[in-house]
Each structure stands twice: as C-alpha cells, then as structure tokens.
Amino acid sequence: MKIVISAEKVQSRIQEMAVEIDRFYDGKPYTVVALQNGACYFAVDLTRALKGDFILDTLSASSYVGEHSTGKIKFRGCTKTDPKGQNILLADEVLDTGLTLSTLVRYFKEQGAASVASVVLVQKQRPLHPLAQDFRANWVGFNLEDRFLIGCGMDYNERFRQLPFVAEMEASDLK
C-alpha cells in the first residue's frame, strides 16, 4: 500500500473541520449521524474534537456490494433518535458517487429534520451519480483522485478500516 495522507495530516484536518463545525452550530444542539461501518473511525475522531452540544447516533446505509455501487441505497436499521425537529450532521468517511449522502439528506428532510448538513473525510474527484448531481458536502477533509483507498474507515472487503492514515491499494495488497 502507498500512504496518501499521513495519520498526522488526517488528525490535523479533522481538528480544523471540528472548529468550523462548532462555529457553524454556534451552541445549537445537533445530532451527528455516523454512517456505519465506514464512518465510525472518522466519526469517533471528529466527535472527540467537537466542543458543541451534540449527541452521536449511527445509521447503516450503503449502495455498495463489494467494490461496486448497486445504484440503490440499502438501509440496515435506523437511528435511535427521532430526527424530527433536530439538526442533523451526517458523517461519512468518503464521498464517492454522492448517492448515499444525497439520499440520506433527502430522507432526513422528509423525516422533519430542522436542518441536514454533511461532513466527509475524503471526496473523490469523479463524476457524481446522476441522482446526486447537485449534492455537495458541507465540509470536506481532502479532495483526492479517484482511486481505491483504504484506512480511516475506508476498506477492502471490510479489511484495513482501522488504519490511521489514508492509503492507496496496490496490486500486491490484493493477494
């Protein structure tokens, strides 16, 4: 594997985003919804850096099976807290096609959330899914070329999520 972003740079950028998010919410309560399984590592680091009035919740939703998007979002469970009237901050480790996050923004708005924002550690430089063309994350840690990344929650067949840095998979890693 080839390290693309060091653990130190990851943590530094998370600290910067936490300051921006604290400033954005300005003392208003909100709910951080971490998208499982990938965002868990990122969300833990982010919430440890946040100073605001928030609670942490999780939701499992994905359009991926293996290495490829199915184009359809599959929910596996729901949040513990009712989003109605709440300020929601969706946290995900990577914005790939934008389909999952754009679908979840619509979903939480339909559920009556007062506001919905999103934060991602990595956004890949690639075309968004046709259903997500207008989607933009509110906070992006790093913009990276479209390549197969692991670490900080990103995985290869559920492996390598725990790496504290972002790395690119190489052919030798697939053996």
Protein backbone atom coordinates (compact mmCIF):
# COMPACT_ATOMS: atom_id res chain seq x y z
CA MET A 1 0.00 0.00 0.00
CA LYS A 2 1.06 3.55 -0.64
CA ILE A 3 0.28 6.15 2.05
CA VAL A 4 -1.55 9.10 0.50
CA ILE A 5 -2.35 11.11 3.66
CA SER A 6 -0.39 10.61 6.88
CA ALA A 7 -2.11 9.99 10.21
CA GLU A 8 -0.84 13.40 11.39
CA LYS A 9 -2.40 15.22 8.42
CA VAL A 10 -5.67 13.34 8.90
CA GLN A 11 -5.87 14.37 12.57
CA SER A 12 -4.88 17.96 11.83
CA ARG A 13 -7.60 18.32 9.20
CA ILE A 14 -10.20 16.72 11.49
CA GLN A 15 -9.32 19.31 14.16
CA GLU A 16 -9.77 22.13 11.61
CA MET A 17 -13.15 20.79 10.49
CA ALA A 18 -14.28 20.44 14.12
CA VAL A 19 -13.57 24.14 14.69
CA GLU A 20 -15.56 25.02 11.55
CA ILE A 21 -18.47 22.79 12.59
CA ASP A 22 -18.51 24.23 16.14
CA ARG A 23 -18.62 27.71 14.64
CA PHE A 24 -21.43 26.69 12.25
CA TYR A 25 -23.69 25.28 15.00
CA ASP A 26 -22.75 28.09 17.41
CA GLY A 27 -24.05 26.35 20.53
CA LYS A 28 -27.21 24.92 18.90
CA PRO A 29 -27.76 21.24 19.71
CA TYR A 30 -27.36 18.73 16.89
CA THR A 31 -27.05 15.03 16.20
CA VAL A 32 -24.00 13.56 14.50
CA VAL A 33 -25.16 10.54 12.49
CA ALA A 34 -22.20 8.32 11.61
CA LEU A 35 -22.76 6.03 8.65
CA GLN A 36 -21.71 2.51 9.56
CA ASN A 37 -19.40 0.78 9.12
CA GLY A 38 -17.02 3.11 7.35
CA ALA A 39 -17.60 6.40 9.12
CA CYS A 40 -17.17 5.00 12.63
CA TYR A 41 -13.43 5.65 12.80
CA PHE A 42 -13.75 9.13 11.31
CA ALA A 43 -16.78 9.99 13.46
CA VAL A 44 -15.00 8.99 16.69
CA ASP A 45 -12.04 11.21 15.87
CA LEU A 46 -14.32 14.06 14.78
CA THR A 47 -16.62 13.93 17.80
CA ARG A 48 -13.66 13.87 20.18
CA ALA A 49 -12.56 17.16 18.61
CA LEU A 50 -16.01 18.81 18.65
CA LYS A 51 -16.85 21.14 21.54
CA GLY A 52 -20.53 21.76 20.76
CA ASP A 53 -23.77 20.39 22.18
CA PHE A 54 -24.32 17.18 20.22
CA ILE A 55 -25.23 13.53 20.53
CA LEU A 56 -23.82 10.71 18.43
CA ASP A 57 -26.05 8.26 16.59
CA THR A 58 -25.44 5.74 13.83
CA LEU A 59 -27.16 4.54 10.71
CA SER A 60 -26.20 1.75 8.37
CA ALA A 61 -26.85 2.62 4.74
CA SER A 62 -24.90 1.79 1.63
CA SER A 63 -25.15 1.40 -2.12
CA TYR A 64 -22.07 -0.82 -2.33
CA VAL A 65 -21.76 -4.57 -2.62
CA GLY A 66 -18.08 -5.48 -2.69
CA GLU A 67 -16.23 -2.89 -4.77
CA HIS A 68 -19.16 -1.63 -6.86
CA SER A 69 -22.22 0.55 -6.27
CA THR A 70 -25.59 -1.04 -6.97
CA GLY A 71 -27.12 2.38 -7.57
CA LYS A 72 -29.70 1.72 -4.82
CA ILE A 73 -29.42 2.63 -1.14
CA LYS A 74 -30.00 -0.17 1.32
CA PHE A 75 -30.87 0.79 4.91
CA ARG A 76 -29.98 -1.71 7.62
CA GLY A 77 -31.64 -0.30 10.72
CA CYS A 78 -32.49 3.24 11.75
CA THR A 79 -31.26 5.94 14.10
CA LYS A 80 -32.08 5.67 17.80
CA THR A 81 -33.17 9.30 17.98
CA ASP A 82 -36.14 10.79 16.14
CA PRO A 83 -34.78 13.29 13.59
CA LYS A 84 -37.94 15.41 13.64
CA GLY A 85 -37.02 18.98 14.57
CA GLN A 86 -33.35 18.06 15.02
CA ASN A 87 -30.23 19.50 13.38
CA ILE A 88 -28.54 16.53 11.72
CA LEU A 89 -24.88 16.28 10.75
CA LEU A 90 -24.20 13.25 8.56
CA ALA A 91 -20.63 11.97 8.89
CA ASP A 92 -19.11 9.67 6.29
CA GLU A 93 -15.55 8.67 5.57
CA VAL A 94 -15.74 9.07 1.78
CA LEU A 95 -17.91 10.79 -0.78
CA ASP A 96 -17.62 8.56 -3.81
CA THR A 97 -20.67 8.84 -6.09
CA GLY A 98 -22.66 11.03 -3.69
CA LEU A 99 -25.66 8.71 -3.93
CA THR A 100 -25.70 7.58 -0.29
CA LEU A 101 -25.28 11.03 1.26
CA SER A 102 -27.65 12.81 -1.12
CA THR A 103 -30.29 10.14 -0.46
CA LEU A 104 -29.82 10.47 3.29
CA VAL A 105 -30.09 14.27 3.17
CA ARG A 106 -33.46 13.88 1.42
CA TYR A 107 -34.50 11.14 3.84
CA PHE A 108 -33.79 13.21 6.97
CA LYS A 109 -35.51 16.26 5.50
CA GLU A 110 -38.57 14.09 4.74
CA GLN A 111 -38.44 12.89 8.37
CA GLY A 112 -38.78 16.51 9.52
CA ALA A 113 -35.20 17.36 10.48
CA ALA A 114 -34.75 21.08 11.14
CA SER A 115 -31.52 21.03 9.12
CA VAL A 116 -29.24 18.49 7.50
CA ALA A 117 -25.52 19.02 6.83
CA SER A 118 -22.74 16.62 5.92
CA VAL A 119 -19.05 16.13 6.60
CA VAL A 120 -16.71 13.71 4.82
CA LEU A 121 -13.07 12.96 5.36
CA VAL A 122 -12.36 12.30 1.66
CA GLN A 123 -14.13 13.30 -1.52
CA LYS A 124 -13.02 11.50 -4.65
CA GLN A 125 -12.62 13.58 -7.79
CA ARG A 126 -15.06 11.72 -10.01
CA PRO A 127 -18.47 12.31 -11.56
CA LEU A 128 -21.35 12.10 -9.12
CA HIS A 129 -24.22 9.68 -9.58
CA PRO A 130 -26.98 11.14 -11.81
CA LEU A 131 -29.33 11.29 -8.79
CA ALA A 132 -26.71 13.23 -6.80
CA GLN A 133 -25.59 15.82 -9.37
CA ASP A 134 -26.44 18.80 -7.16
CA PHE A 135 -25.04 17.32 -3.95
CA ARG A 136 -22.16 18.99 -2.12
CA ALA A 137 -20.84 18.04 1.30
CA ASN A 138 -20.70 20.97 3.71
CA TRP A 139 -17.23 20.01 4.94
CA VAL A 140 -14.62 18.00 3.04
CA GLY A 141 -11.35 17.00 4.63
CA PHE A 142 -9.44 16.10 1.48
CA ASN A 143 -10.16 16.04 -2.26
CA LEU A 144 -8.36 13.10 -3.83
CA GLU A 145 -8.11 11.49 -7.23
CA ASP A 146 -10.47 8.60 -7.87
CA ARG A 147 -8.50 5.58 -6.74
CA PHE A 148 -9.02 2.63 -4.41
CA LEU A 149 -8.40 3.97 -0.90
CA ILE A 150 -8.19 2.26 2.48
CA GLY A 151 -7.80 3.44 6.06
CA CYS A 152 -9.71 5.90 8.26
CA GLY A 153 -12.81 3.76 7.75
CA MET A 154 -12.32 3.01 4.05
CA ASP A 155 -11.96 -0.69 3.39
CA TYR A 156 -11.23 -3.53 1.05
CA ASN A 157 -13.76 -6.30 1.79
CA GLU A 158 -14.17 -4.93 5.35
CA ARG A 159 -10.39 -5.00 5.96
CA PHE A 160 -7.99 -2.10 6.63
CA ARG A 161 -10.62 0.31 8.06
CA GLN A 162 -8.57 0.69 11.27
CA LEU A 163 -5.51 2.21 9.60
CA PRO A 164 -4.94 5.73 10.99
CA PHE A 165 -3.82 7.04 7.59
CA VAL A 166 -5.30 7.03 4.08
CA ALA A 167 -3.55 4.71 1.67
CA GLU A 168 -3.99 3.59 -1.91
CA MET A 169 -4.40 -0.11 -2.53
CA GLU A 170 -1.77 -1.66 -4.74
CA ALA A 171 -1.98 -4.93 -6.67
CA SER A 172 0.27 -6.65 -4.09
CA ASP A 173 -2.26 -5.78 -1.33
CA LEU A 174 -4.95 -7.84 -3.02
CA LYS A 175 -3.16 -11.18 -2.51
